[in-house]
C-alpha atoms as a PDB file:
ATOM      1  CA  MET A   1       8.513  31.872 -23.221  1.00  0.00           C
ATOM      2  CA  ILE A   2       5.303  29.902 -23.650  1.00  0.00           C
ATOM      3  CA  THR A   3       2.358  31.909 -25.501  1.00  0.00           C
ATOM      4  CA  ASN A   4      -0.320  29.372 -25.314  1.00  0.00           C
ATOM      5  CA  SER A   5      -2.973  29.423 -27.947  1.00  0.00           C
ATOM      6  CA  ALA A   6      -0.837  31.544 -29.774  1.00  0.00           C
ATOM      7  CA  GLY A   7      -2.833  33.645 -32.475  1.00  0.00           C
ATOM      8  CA  VAL A   8      -6.553  31.411 -31.455  1.00  0.00           C
ATOM      9  CA  GLY A   9      -9.330  33.185 -31.167  1.00  0.00           C
ATOM     10  CA  GLY A  10     -13.297  32.110 -31.884  1.00  0.00           C
ATOM     11  CA  ARG A  11     -14.177  28.414 -31.916  1.00  0.00           C
ATOM     12  CA  ALA A  12     -10.440  27.003 -32.266  1.00  0.00           C
ATOM     13  CA  ALA A  13      -9.402  28.930 -29.178  1.00  0.00           C
ATOM     14  CA  GLN A  14     -12.445  27.369 -27.437  1.00  0.00           C
ATOM     15  CA  VAL A  15     -10.880  23.823 -28.778  1.00  0.00           C
ATOM     16  CA  ALA A  16      -7.876  24.504 -27.376  1.00  0.00           C
ATOM     17  CA  ARG A  17      -9.032  25.538 -23.883  1.00  0.00           C
ATOM     18  CA  ARG A  18     -10.658  22.125 -23.834  1.00  0.00           C
ATOM     19  CA  GLN A  19      -7.895  19.889 -25.269  1.00  0.00           C
ATOM     20  CA  LEU A  20      -4.971  21.377 -23.121  1.00  0.00           C
ATOM     21  CA  ASN A  21      -3.756  23.653 -25.922  1.00  0.00           C
ATOM     22  CA  LEU A  22      -4.012  20.488 -28.540  1.00  0.00           C
ATOM     23  CA  ALA A  23      -6.097  20.570 -31.552  1.00  0.00           C
ATOM     24  CA  THR A  24      -6.451  18.561 -34.973  1.00  0.00           C
ATOM     25  CA  ARG A  25      -6.156  19.503 -38.308  1.00  0.00           C
ATOM     26  CA  HIS A  26      -9.810  19.023 -38.985  1.00  0.00           C
ATOM     27  CA  GLN A  27     -10.680  20.432 -35.458  1.00  0.00           C
ATOM     28  CA  LEU A  28      -8.767  24.027 -37.228  1.00  0.00           C
ATOM     29  CA  THR A  29     -10.279  23.778 -40.394  1.00  0.00           C
ATOM     30  CA  ALA A  30     -13.945  23.223 -39.340  1.00  0.00           C
ATOM     31  CA  ALA A  31     -13.255  26.599 -36.786  1.00  0.00           C
ATOM     32  CA  GLY A  32     -12.490  28.204 -40.139  1.00  0.00           C
ATOM     33  CA  ILE A  33      -8.960  28.420 -40.338  1.00  0.00           C
ATOM     34  CA  ALA A  34      -7.715  28.103 -43.549  1.00  0.00           C
ATOM     35  CA  PRO A  35      -4.779  25.113 -44.484  1.00  0.00           C
ATOM     36  CA  GLY A  36      -2.577  27.518 -45.851  1.00  0.00           C
ATOM     37  CA  THR A  37      -2.562  29.101 -42.038  1.00  0.00           C
ATOM     38  CA  ILE A  38      -2.083  25.837 -40.308  1.00  0.00           C
ATOM     39  CA  THR A  39       1.075  25.412 -42.676  1.00  0.00           C
ATOM     40  CA  SER A  40       2.662  28.416 -41.615  1.00  0.00           C
ATOM     41  CA  ARG A  41       2.244  28.567 -37.936  1.00  0.00           C
ATOM     42  CA  THR A  42       3.558  25.558 -37.627  1.00  0.00           C
ATOM     43  CA  SER A  43       6.493  25.725 -40.416  1.00  0.00           C
ATOM     44  CA  ARG A  44       8.233  28.404 -38.916  1.00  0.00           C
ATOM     45  CA  THR A  45      11.108  27.537 -36.201  1.00  0.00           C
ATOM     46  CA  GLY A  46       9.750  28.698 -32.920  1.00  0.00           C
ATOM     47  CA  GLY A  47       6.142  28.583 -33.701  1.00  0.00           C
ATOM     48  CA  PRO A  48       3.514  29.862 -32.924  1.00  0.00           C
ATOM     49  CA  TRP A  49       2.521  26.369 -33.228  1.00  0.00           C
ATOM     50  CA  GLN A  50       4.104  22.891 -33.270  1.00  0.00           C
ATOM     51  CA  ARG A  51       3.299  20.090 -35.276  1.00  0.00           C
ATOM     52  CA  LEU A  52       3.144  17.122 -32.678  1.00  0.00           C
ATOM     53  CA  LEU A  53       1.867  14.201 -34.873  1.00  0.00           C
ATOM     54  CA  PRO A  54       0.378  14.201 -38.218  1.00  0.00           C
ATOM     55  CA  ARG A  55      -2.365  15.873 -38.205  1.00  0.00           C
ATOM     56  CA  VAL A  56      -1.818  17.231 -34.452  1.00  0.00           C
ATOM     57  CA  TYR A  57      -0.734  21.019 -33.202  1.00  0.00           C
ATOM     58  CA  LEU A  58       0.075  21.831 -30.316  1.00  0.00           C
ATOM     59  CA  LEU A  59      -0.917  25.418 -30.023  1.00  0.00           C
ATOM     60  CA  GLN A  60       1.951  27.280 -28.136  1.00  0.00           C
ATOM     61  CA  THR A  61       5.790  28.085 -28.168  1.00  0.00           C
ATOM     62  CA  GLY A  62       6.813  25.852 -25.165  1.00  0.00           C
ATOM     63  CA  PRO A  63       7.485  22.296 -25.073  1.00  0.00           C
ATOM     64  CA  PRO A  64       4.424  19.945 -24.125  1.00  0.00           C
ATOM     65  CA  ASP A  65       4.335  17.925 -20.850  1.00  0.00           C
ATOM     66  CA  HIS A  66       3.926  14.365 -21.121  1.00  0.00           C
ATOM     67  CA  ARG A  67      -0.544  15.282 -20.475  1.00  0.00           C
ATOM     68  CA  GLN A  68      -0.298  16.788 -23.905  1.00  0.00           C
ATOM     69  CA  ARG A  69       1.591  14.296 -25.600  1.00  0.00           C
ATOM     70  CA  ALA A  70      -0.627  11.647 -24.063  1.00  0.00           C
ATOM     71  CA  LEU A  71      -3.885  13.653 -25.785  1.00  0.00           C
ATOM     72  CA  ALA A  72      -2.047  14.135 -28.729  1.00  0.00           C
ATOM     73  CA  ALA A  73      -1.706  10.581 -28.991  1.00  0.00           C
ATOM     74  CA  VAL A  74      -5.558   9.864 -28.414  1.00  0.00           C
ATOM     75  CA  LEU A  75      -6.650  13.187 -31.109  1.00  0.00           C
ATOM     76  CA  TYR A  76      -4.176  11.453 -33.772  1.00  0.00           C
ATOM     77  CA  ALA A  77      -5.830   7.992 -33.133  1.00  0.00           C
ATOM     78  CA  ALA A  78      -9.251   9.334 -32.916  1.00  0.00           C
ATOM     79  CA  GLU A  79     -12.069   9.502 -35.713  1.00  0.00           C
ATOM     80  CA  PRO A  80     -11.508  13.022 -37.147  1.00  0.00           C
ATOM     81  CA  ALA A  81     -15.265  13.728 -37.116  1.00  0.00           C
ATOM     82  CA  SER A  82     -15.908  12.089 -33.160  1.00  0.00           C
ATOM     83  CA  ASP A  83     -15.697  14.609 -29.916  1.00  0.00           C
ATOM     84  CA  PRO A  84     -12.213  12.879 -29.077  1.00  0.00           C
ATOM     85  CA  LEU A  85     -12.247  13.603 -25.415  1.00  0.00           C
ATOM     86  CA  SER A  86     -15.765  11.353 -24.841  1.00  0.00           C
ATOM     87  CA  GLY A  87     -13.691   7.924 -25.065  1.00  0.00           C
ATOM     88  CA  ASP A  88     -15.962   6.553 -28.076  1.00  0.00           C
ATOM     89  CA  THR A  89     -13.479   6.101 -30.839  1.00  0.00           C
ATOM     90  CA  ALA A  90     -10.027   6.538 -29.219  1.00  0.00           C
ATOM     91  CA  ALA A  91      -8.789   5.669 -25.477  1.00  0.00           C
ATOM     92  CA  LEU A  92      -5.311   5.786 -23.860  1.00  0.00           C
ATOM     93  CA  THR A  93      -4.572   2.702 -22.575  1.00  0.00           C
ATOM     94  CA  GLY A  94      -1.179   0.167 -21.602  1.00  0.00           C
ATOM     95  CA  GLY A  95       1.764   1.894 -20.198  1.00  0.00           C
ATOM     96  CA  ALA A  96       0.918   5.707 -20.951  1.00  0.00           C
ATOM     97  CA  ALA A  97      -2.575   5.338 -19.092  1.00  0.00           C
ATOM     98  CA  LEU A  98      -1.056   3.735 -15.909  1.00  0.00           C
ATOM     99  CA  ALA A  99       2.101   6.489 -15.941  1.00  0.00           C
ATOM    100  CA  LEU A 100      -0.671   9.005 -15.623  1.00  0.00           C
ATOM    101  CA  LEU A 101      -1.997   7.297 -12.505  1.00  0.00           C
ATOM    102  CA  GLY A 102       1.244   7.339 -11.374  1.00  0.00           C
ATOM    103  CA  ILE A 103       2.460   4.107 -11.668  1.00  0.00           C
ATOM    104  CA  ARG A 104       6.460   3.694 -11.341  1.00  0.00           C
ATOM    105  CA  ASP A 105       8.247   2.248 -14.142  1.00  0.00           C
ATOM    106  CA  ALA A 106       5.373   2.409 -16.609  1.00  0.00           C
ATOM    107  CA  PRO A 107       6.192   4.338 -19.898  1.00  0.00           C
ATOM    108  CA  TYR A 108       4.791   7.172 -20.998  1.00  0.00           C
ATOM    109  CA  THR A 109       6.166   6.249 -24.790  1.00  0.00           C
ATOM    110  CA  PRO A 110       5.213   4.660 -27.414  1.00  0.00           C
ATOM    111  CA  ALA A 111       1.674   5.743 -26.421  1.00  0.00           C
ATOM    112  CA  ASP A 112      -0.846   2.737 -26.801  1.00  0.00           C
ATOM    113  CA  VAL A 113      -4.088   3.748 -28.149  1.00  0.00           C
ATOM    114  CA  LEU A 114      -7.507   1.615 -28.291  1.00  0.00           C
ATOM    115  CA  VAL A 115      -9.415   2.247 -31.320  1.00  0.00           C
ATOM    116  CA  ARG A 116     -12.455   0.876 -32.432  1.00  0.00           C
ATOM    117  CA  ALA A 117     -11.727  -2.200 -35.126  1.00  0.00           C
ATOM    118  CA  PRO A 118     -11.917  -2.308 -38.265  1.00  0.00           C
ATOM    119  CA  ARG A 119     -10.421   1.249 -37.978  1.00  0.00           C
ATOM    120  CA  ARG A 120      -6.843   1.149 -38.177  1.00  0.00           C
ATOM    121  CA  PRO A 121      -4.883   4.132 -38.271  1.00  0.00           C
ATOM    122  CA  ALA A 122      -1.123   4.096 -39.142  1.00  0.00           C
ATOM    123  CA  GLY A 123       1.467   3.834 -36.550  1.00  0.00           C
ATOM    124  CA  THR A 124       4.008   5.878 -35.726  1.00  0.00           C
ATOM    125  CA  PRO A 125       7.318   6.126 -33.455  1.00  0.00           C
ATOM    126  CA  GLU A 126       5.055   7.644 -30.342  1.00  0.00           C
ATOM    127  CA  VAL A 127       2.049   6.168 -31.359  1.00  0.00           C
ATOM    128  CA  ARG A 128       0.620   2.593 -31.539  1.00  0.00           C
ATOM    129  CA  PRO A 129      -3.276   2.479 -32.249  1.00  0.00           C
ATOM    130  CA  LEU A 130      -4.661  -0.887 -31.065  1.00  0.00           C
ATOM    131  CA  PRO A 131      -7.799  -1.678 -33.305  1.00  0.00           C
ATOM    132  CA  THR A 132      -9.950  -3.871 -30.964  1.00  0.00           C
ATOM    133  CA  THR A 133     -13.365  -5.538 -31.118  1.00  0.00           C
ATOM    134  CA  ARG A 134     -13.928  -5.457 -27.421  1.00  0.00           C
ATOM    135  CA  TRP A 135     -14.352  -1.864 -26.347  1.00  0.00           C
ATOM    136  CA  PRO A 136     -13.688  -1.327 -22.518  1.00  0.00           C
ATOM    137  CA  ARG A 137     -15.496   1.097 -20.455  1.00  0.00           C
ATOM    138  CA  THR A 138     -13.695   4.171 -20.121  1.00  0.00           C
ATOM    139  CA  ILE A 139     -12.603   7.097 -17.552  1.00  0.00           C
ATOM    140  CA  THR A 140     -11.028  10.401 -17.759  1.00  0.00           C
ATOM    141  CA  VAL A 141      -7.476  10.879 -16.112  1.00  0.00           C
ATOM    142  CA  SER A 142      -6.347  14.433 -16.260  1.00  0.00           C
ATOM    143  CA  GLY A 143      -8.327  15.286 -19.241  1.00  0.00           C
ATOM    144  CA  ILE A 144      -7.782  12.130 -21.377  1.00  0.00           C
ATOM    145  CA  PRO A 145     -10.029   9.698 -22.041  1.00  0.00           C
ATOM    146  CA  SER A 146      -8.212   6.421 -20.691  1.00  0.00           C
ATOM    147  CA  THR A 147      -9.182   3.043 -20.308  1.00  0.00           C
ATOM    148  CA  ARG A 148      -9.502   1.453 -16.528  1.00  0.00           C
ATOM    149  CA  PRO A 149      -6.290   0.514 -15.083  1.00  0.00           C
ATOM    150  CA  VAL A 150      -7.053  -2.872 -15.346  1.00  0.00           C
ATOM    151  CA  ARG A 151      -7.963  -2.967 -18.995  1.00  0.00           C
ATOM    152  CA  ALA A 152      -4.488  -0.572 -18.792  1.00  0.00           C
ATOM    153  CA  ALA A 153      -2.681  -2.969 -16.798  1.00  0.00           C
ATOM    154  CA  ALA A 154      -3.438  -6.372 -19.612  1.00  0.00           C
ATOM    155  CA  ASP A 155      -2.892  -4.030 -22.597  1.00  0.00           C
ATOM    156  CA  PHE A 156       0.553  -3.245 -21.211  1.00  0.00           C
ATOM    157  CA  ALA A 157       1.656  -6.981 -20.235  1.00  0.00           C
ATOM    158  CA  ALA A 158       0.375  -7.969 -23.449  1.00  0.00           C
ATOM    159  CA  ARG A 159       2.840  -5.625 -25.404  1.00  0.00           C
ATOM    160  CA  ALA A 160       6.011  -5.356 -22.351  1.00  0.00           C
ATOM    161  CA  GLU A 161       9.051  -7.879 -23.560  1.00  0.00           C
ATOM    162  CA  ASP A 162      10.773  -7.633 -19.873  1.00  0.00           C
ATOM    163  CA  PRO A 163       9.330 -10.021 -17.493  1.00  0.00           C
ATOM    164  CA  GLY A 164      10.712  -7.928 -14.875  1.00  0.00           C
ATOM    165  CA  LEU A 165       9.106  -4.734 -16.160  1.00  0.00           C
ATOM    166  CA  VAL A 166       5.593  -6.610 -16.277  1.00  0.00           C
ATOM    167  CA  ARG A 167       6.330  -7.762 -12.506  1.00  0.00           C
ATOM    168  CA  SER A 168       7.088  -4.279 -11.738  1.00  0.00           C
ATOM    169  CA  VAL A 169       4.161  -2.583 -13.643  1.00  0.00           C
ATOM    170  CA  LEU A 170       1.428  -4.919 -12.857  1.00  0.00           C
ATOM    171  CA  ALA A 171       2.789  -4.939  -8.782  1.00  0.00           C
ATOM    172  CA  GLY A 172       2.234  -1.310  -8.756  1.00  0.00           C
ATOM    173  CA  VAL A 173      -1.147  -1.481 -10.317  1.00  0.00           C
ATOM    174  CA  VAL A 174      -2.304  -3.403  -7.288  1.00  0.00           C
ATOM    175  CA  GLN A 175      -0.198  -2.418  -4.590  1.00  0.00           C
ATOM    176  CA  SER A 176      -1.530   1.612  -5.350  1.00  0.00           C
ATOM    177  CA  GLY A 177      -4.928   0.041  -4.980  1.00  0.00           C
ATOM    178  CA  TRP A 178      -6.002   0.789  -8.748  1.00  0.00           C
ATOM    179  CA  CYS A 179      -7.554  -2.555  -9.220  1.00  0.00           C
ATOM    180  CA  HIS A 180      -8.114  -6.077  -7.131  1.00  0.00           C
ATOM    181  CA  PRO A 181      -5.593  -9.011  -7.982  1.00  0.00           C
ATOM    182  CA  GLN A 182      -8.736 -11.069  -8.683  1.00  0.00           C
ATOM    183  CA  ASP A 183      -9.726  -8.675 -11.053  1.00  0.00           C
ATOM    184  CA  LEU A 184      -6.612  -8.090 -12.726  1.00  0.00           C
ATOM    185  CA  HIS A 185      -6.195 -11.898 -12.944  1.00  0.00           C
ATOM    186  CA  ALA A 186      -9.799 -12.296 -14.624  1.00  0.00           C
ATOM    187  CA  GLU A 187      -8.580  -9.579 -17.005  1.00  0.00           C
ATOM    188  CA  LEU A 188      -5.464 -11.290 -18.203  1.00  0.00           C
ATOM    189  CA  ARG A 189      -7.461 -14.505 -18.094  1.00  0.00           C
ATOM    190  CA  GLY A 190      -9.923 -12.691 -20.729  1.00  0.00           C
ATOM    191  CA  SER A 191      -7.181 -11.474 -22.844  1.00  0.00           C
ATOM    192  CA  ARG A 192      -5.628 -14.889 -23.184  1.00  0.00           C
ATOM    193  CA  LEU A 193      -2.447 -13.763 -21.421  1.00  0.00           C
ATOM    194  CA  LEU A 194      -2.048 -16.438 -18.688  1.00  0.00           C
ATOM    195  CA  ALA A 195      -0.170 -18.515 -21.089  1.00  0.00           C
ATOM    196  CA  ARG A 196       2.956 -16.366 -21.258  1.00  0.00           C
ATOM    197  CA  PRO A 197       4.927 -17.583 -18.258  1.00  0.00           C
ATOM    198  CA  ALA A 198       6.129 -14.207 -16.941  1.00  0.00           C
ATOM    199  CA  ILE A 199       2.749 -12.882 -16.909  1.00  0.00           C
ATOM    200  CA  ARG A 200       1.319 -15.728 -15.284  1.00  0.00           C
ATOM    201  CA  ALA A 201       3.882 -15.851 -12.733  1.00  0.00           C
ATOM    202  CA  ALA A 202       3.178 -11.971 -12.134  1.00  0.00           C
ATOM    203  CA  ALA A 203      -0.089 -12.742 -11.980  1.00  0.00           C
ATOM    204  CA  ALA A 204       0.582 -15.703  -9.343  1.00  0.00           C
ATOM    205  CA  GLU A 205       2.314 -13.404  -7.065  1.00  0.00           C
ATOM    206  CA  LEU A 206      -0.306 -10.991  -6.854  1.00  0.00           C
ATOM    207  CA  LEU A 207      -3.257 -13.543  -6.203  1.00  0.00           C
ATOM    208  CA  ALA A 208      -0.942 -14.969  -3.417  1.00  0.00           C
ATOM    209  CA  GLY A 209      -0.599 -11.437  -1.771  1.00  0.00           C
ATOM    210  CA  VAL A 210       2.505  -9.862  -2.788  1.00  0.00           C
ATOM    211  CA  ARG A 211       2.395  -6.781  -4.018  1.00  0.00           C
ATOM    212  CA  SER A 212       5.753  -5.214  -4.829  1.00  0.00           C
ATOM    213  CA  VAL A 213       9.353  -6.538  -6.474  1.00  0.00           C
ATOM    214  CA  ALA A 214      10.673  -6.616  -3.523  1.00  0.00           C
ATOM    215  CA  GLU A 215       8.406  -8.767  -2.338  1.00  0.00           C
ATOM    216  CA  ALA A 216       7.793 -11.026  -5.476  1.00  0.00           C
ATOM    217  CA  ARG A 217      12.022 -11.163  -4.706  1.00  0.00           C
ATOM    218  CA  ALA A 218      11.691 -12.251  -1.262  1.00  0.00           C
ATOM    219  CA  ARG A 219       8.656 -14.983  -1.946  1.00  0.00           C
ATOM    220  CA  ASP A 220      11.413 -16.305  -4.771  1.00  0.00           C
ATOM    221  CA  THR A 221      13.909 -16.423  -2.120  1.00  0.00           C
ATOM    222  CA  LEU A 222      11.814 -18.029   0.261  1.00  0.00           C
ATOM    223  CA  GLU A 223      10.228 -20.899  -2.613  1.00  0.00           C
ATOM    224  CA  THR A 224      13.825 -22.408  -2.740  1.00  0.00           C
ATOM    225  CA  THR A 225      14.008 -23.129   1.457  1.00  0.00           C
ATOM    226  CA  ASP A 226      12.364 -25.619   3.518  1.00  0.00           C
ATOM    227  CA  LEU A 227      10.787 -22.790   5.320  1.00  0.00           C
ATOM    228  CA  PRO A 228       6.949 -22.647   6.002  1.00  0.00           C
ATOM    229  CA  THR A 229       4.864 -20.386   3.369  1.00  0.00           C
ATOM    230  CA  PRO A 230       4.155 -16.937   5.125  1.00  0.00           C
ATOM    231  CA  LEU A 231       0.696 -15.152   4.459  1.00  0.00           C
ATOM    232  CA  TRP A 232       1.661 -12.145   2.393  1.00  0.00           C
ATOM    233  CA  ASN A 233       0.480  -8.479   3.038  1.00  0.00           C
ATOM    234  CA  ALA A 234      -2.331 -10.239   5.850  1.00  0.00           C
ATOM    235  CA  ARG A 235      -4.036  -7.429   7.978  1.00  0.00           C
ATOM    236  CA  LEU A 236      -3.614  -8.073  11.878  1.00  0.00           C
ATOM    237  CA  TYR A 237      -5.575  -7.038  14.649  1.00  0.00           C
ATOM    238  CA  THR A 238      -5.725  -7.152  18.661  1.00  0.00           C
ATOM    239  CA  PRO A 239      -8.231  -9.768  19.843  1.00  0.00           C
ATOM    240  CA  ALA A 240     -10.363  -6.658  20.979  1.00  0.00           C
ATOM    241  CA  GLY A 241     -10.487  -5.911  16.963  1.00  0.00           C
ATOM    242  CA  ALA A 242      -8.148  -2.929  16.580  1.00  0.00           C
ATOM    243  CA  PHE A 243      -5.907  -2.852  14.020  1.00  0.00           C
ATOM    244  CA  LEU A 244      -2.468  -3.390  14.373  1.00  0.00           C
ATOM    245  CA  ALA A 245      -0.205  -3.509  10.996  1.00  0.00           C
ATOM    246  CA  THR A 246       0.130  -5.147   7.819  1.00  0.00           C
ATOM    247  CA  PRO A 247       3.474  -6.460   7.598  1.00  0.00           C
ATOM    248  CA  ASP A 248       4.886  -7.707   4.354  1.00  0.00           C
ATOM    249  CA  ALA A 249       5.126 -11.371   5.081  1.00  0.00           C
ATOM    250  CA  TYR A 250       3.811 -13.295   8.428  1.00  0.00           C
ATOM    251  CA  TRP A 251       3.874 -16.458   9.774  1.00  0.00           C
ATOM    252  CA  PRO A 252       0.758 -16.595  11.943  1.00  0.00           C
ATOM    253  CA  ASP A 253       1.664 -20.337  13.862  1.00  0.00           C
ATOM    254  CA  GLU A 254       4.598 -18.831  14.599  1.00  0.00           C
ATOM    255  CA  GLY A 255       4.022 -14.919  15.037  1.00  0.00           C
ATOM    256  CA  VAL A 256       6.979 -13.935  13.241  1.00  0.00           C
ATOM    257  CA  ALA A 257       6.614 -10.830  10.447  1.00  0.00           C
ATOM    258  CA  LEU A 258       9.180  -9.688   7.819  1.00  0.00           C
ATOM    259  CA  GLU A 259       8.948  -6.054   7.084  1.00  0.00           C
ATOM    260  CA  ILE A 260      10.924  -4.870   3.873  1.00  0.00           C
ATOM    261  CA  ASP A 261      11.286  -1.121   4.399  1.00  0.00           C
ATOM    262  CA  SER A 262      12.817   0.734   1.702  1.00  0.00           C
ATOM    263  CA  ALA A 263      14.901   4.143   2.647  1.00  0.00           C
ATOM    264  CA  GLU A 264      13.066   5.813  -0.224  1.00  0.00           C
ATOM    265  CA  TYR A 265       9.696   5.455   1.621  1.00  0.00           C
ATOM    266  CA  HIS A 266      11.040   6.819   5.279  1.00  0.00           C
ATOM    267  CA  TYR A 267      13.523   9.622   4.111  1.00  0.00           C
ATOM    268  CA  THR A 268      10.959  12.062   5.841  1.00  0.00           C
ATOM    269  CA  ARG A 269      11.066  11.789  10.410  1.00  0.00           C
ATOM    270  CA  ASP A 270       7.498  11.017  10.206  1.00  0.00           C
ATOM    271  CA  ALA A 271       7.716   8.362   7.701  1.00  0.00           C
ATOM    272  CA  TRP A 272      10.598   6.912  10.091  1.00  0.00           C
ATOM    273  CA  TYR A 273       8.665   7.257  13.116  1.00  0.00           C
ATOM    274  CA  ALA A 274       5.729   5.296  11.664  1.00  0.00           C
ATOM    275  CA  THR A 275       7.723   2.534  10.864  1.00  0.00           C
ATOM    276  CA  LEU A 276       9.062   2.700  14.410  1.00  0.00           C
ATOM    277  CA  ARG A 277       5.546   2.646  16.042  1.00  0.00           C
ATOM    278  CA  ARG A 278       4.179   0.068  13.694  1.00  0.00           C
ATOM    279  CA  ARG A 279       7.010  -2.100  14.825  1.00  0.00           C
ATOM    280  CA  LEU A 280       6.634  -1.733  18.715  1.00  0.00           C
ATOM    281  CA  ARG A 281       2.702  -1.999  18.267  1.00  0.00           C
ATOM    282  CA  LEU A 282       3.905  -5.412  16.361  1.00  0.00           C
ATOM    283  CA  GLU A 283       6.354  -6.621  18.927  1.00  0.00           C
ATOM    284  CA  SER A 284       3.874  -5.598  22.328  1.00  0.00           C
ATOM    285  CA  HIS A 285       1.704  -8.107  20.570  1.00  0.00           C
ATOM    286  CA  GLY A 286       4.608 -10.679  20.900  1.00  0.00           C
ATOM    287  CA  ILE A 287       4.928 -10.583  17.094  1.00  0.00           C
ATOM    288  CA  LEU A 288       9.022 -10.999  16.239  1.00  0.00           C
ATOM    289  CA  VAL A 289      10.090  -8.964  13.596  1.00  0.00           C
ATOM    290  CA  ILE A 290      12.786  -8.840  11.288  1.00  0.00           C
ATOM    291  CA  SER A 291      13.342  -5.793   8.825  1.00  0.00           C
ATOM    292  CA  ALA A 292      14.693  -5.895   5.598  1.00  0.00           C
ATOM    293  CA  THR A 293      16.035  -3.680   3.101  1.00  0.00           C
ATOM    294  CA  PRO A 294      15.085  -4.374  -0.912  1.00  0.00           C
ATOM    295  CA  SER A 295      18.798  -4.500  -1.330  1.00  0.00           C
ATOM    296  CA  MET A 296      19.226  -7.138   1.461  1.00  0.00           C
ATOM    297  CA  ILE A 297      16.823  -9.179  -0.075  1.00  0.00           C
ATOM    298  CA  ARG A 298      18.812  -9.007  -3.601  1.00  0.00           C
ATOM    299  CA  ASP A 299      22.213  -8.734  -2.445  1.00  0.00           C
ATOM    300  CA  THR A 300      22.520 -10.539   0.859  1.00  0.00           C
ATOM    301  CA  PRO A 301      19.572 -13.020   0.919  1.00  0.00           C
ATOM    302  CA  THR A 302      20.926 -15.651   2.990  1.00  0.00           C
ATOM    303  CA  GLU A 303      21.410 -13.382   6.057  1.00  0.00           C
ATOM    304  CA  VAL A 304      17.869 -12.695   5.845  1.00  0.00           C
ATOM    305  CA  LEU A 305      16.958 -15.889   5.443  1.00  0.00           C
ATOM    306  CA  ALA A 306      19.447 -16.840   8.560  1.00  0.00           C
ATOM    307  CA  ALA A 307      17.856 -14.375  10.719  1.00  0.00           C
ATOM    308  CA  LEU A 308      14.193 -15.695   9.676  1.00  0.00           C
ATOM    309  CA  ARG A 309      15.132 -19.299  10.177  1.00  0.00           C
ATOM    310  CA  THR A 310      16.591 -18.604  13.884  1.00  0.00           C
ATOM    311  CA  LEU A 311      13.337 -16.733  14.690  1.00  0.00           C
ATOM    312  CA  LEU A 312      10.973 -19.359  13.512  1.00  0.00           C
ATOM    313  CA  THR A 313      12.708 -21.564  15.464  1.00  0.00           C
ATOM    314  CA  LEU A 314      12.847 -19.652  18.753  1.00  0.00           C
ATOM    315  CA  ALA A 315       9.288 -18.856  18.148  1.00  0.00           C
ATOM    316  CA  THR A 316       8.345 -22.021  18.763  1.00  0.00           C
ATOM    317  CA  SER A 317       9.489 -22.935  22.192  1.00  0.00           C
ATOM    318  CA  ARG A 318       8.138 -19.405  23.668  1.00  0.00           C
ATOM    319  CA  PRO A 319       5.676 -19.575  26.404  1.00  0.00           C
ATOM    320  CA  THR A 320       3.319 -17.071  25.543  1.00  0.00           C
ATOM    321  CA  PRO A 321       2.350 -17.525  21.838  1.00  0.00           C
ATOM    322  CA  PRO A 322       1.649 -13.980  19.958  1.00  0.00           C
ATOM    323  CA  THR A 323      -2.033 -12.225  20.601  1.00  0.00           C
ATOM    324  CA  ALA A 324      -2.441 -11.191  17.047  1.00  0.00           C
ATOM    325  CA  HIS A 325      -5.067 -12.684  14.318  1.00  0.00           C
ATOM    326  CA  ALA A 326      -4.391 -12.265  10.837  1.00  0.00           C
ATOM    327  CA  ARG A 327      -7.891 -11.297   9.015  1.00  0.00           C
ATOM    328  CA  GLY A 328      -9.176 -10.301   6.035  1.00  0.00           C
ATOM    329  CA  HIS A 329      -6.467 -12.044   3.691  1.00  0.00           C
ATOM    330  CA  GLN A 330      -6.794 -15.931   2.221  1.00  0.00           C
ATOM    331  CA  GLN A 331      -3.932 -17.322   1.145  1.00  0.00           C
ATOM    332  CA  LEU A 332      -4.833 -18.654  -2.267  1.00  0.00           C
ATOM    333  CA  PRO A 333      -3.610 -22.039  -3.931  1.00  0.00           C
ATOM    334  CA  LEU A 334      -1.217 -21.035  -7.233  1.00  0.00           C
ATOM    335  CA  PHE A 335      -1.671 -23.388 -10.189  1.00  0.00           C
ATOM    336  CA  PRO A 336       1.077 -23.731 -12.187  1.00  0.00           C
ATOM    337  CA  GLY A 337      -1.063 -24.228 -15.534  1.00  0.00           C
ATOM    338  CA  GLY A 338      -2.273 -20.639 -15.151  1.00  0.00           C
ATOM    339  CA  GLY A 339      -6.141 -19.467 -15.849  1.00  0.00           C
END
């Protein structure tokens, strides 16, 4: 059983309601709660309060959720006398901020928190304070002051060690619509991160139109062949201007599309029906479609490539060309040097 704001009244209760049932030692003593009372209420097994981080307390008996853990990190890193929800002295960033936005694979912990230099709070296993002189505009996500997604993505990439995770998370930020690939590329360049091969490669893929790890793997596979380069995530329209679909990869000269369909996104009847309708729309306008799952591209790429090669060859001799037009997409050149 969870007891919220156990034994708290007056000003301390107002602080707890505003801060997801959290409060700092400074806030509690400023509200008139004696230090000895704070110690006694957090030292007993079972509550009524819990010490989540040094000088940060959860005023309930139940376990914290991920939002409370994220806000606790901000409370820990913020200037003690400041309003920690203002985003003026501390803001969540990196993987923890992206996880709050629902970015798959973004880790909740350790929580990266920006603080204004020259302040340098000590880190803990759960919190990494990151002093910066380049203070960003902040936003509030689920009640927690955070950096904008584009800055959070750059801060995550700066500290991530797994190239595959960098690729997945950056693609997720763009695919979810939280930032444009050009803006992300500019942020990575401004943070001087494009000198790192894994980050430069991930940014280049996003500029080229790749929006997921499965698409990135498909792009890697295609680059080892002599097949023509497709457009990635190009928006296709009828001659009358009606929107048709956005295939993952599209060869405009041949009228061939590659659709990477993951079962986890098509497990409902409506999703499966929508996938079939999209394919019918494409085929009704003369576009030849190949469907493959991410596991097919990973495990049996030669079969996918053979099917693509066959359709691309057949398309060149078709008597009737496709009637769809790709718009709203520019296949940007990639420069190996980055920047």
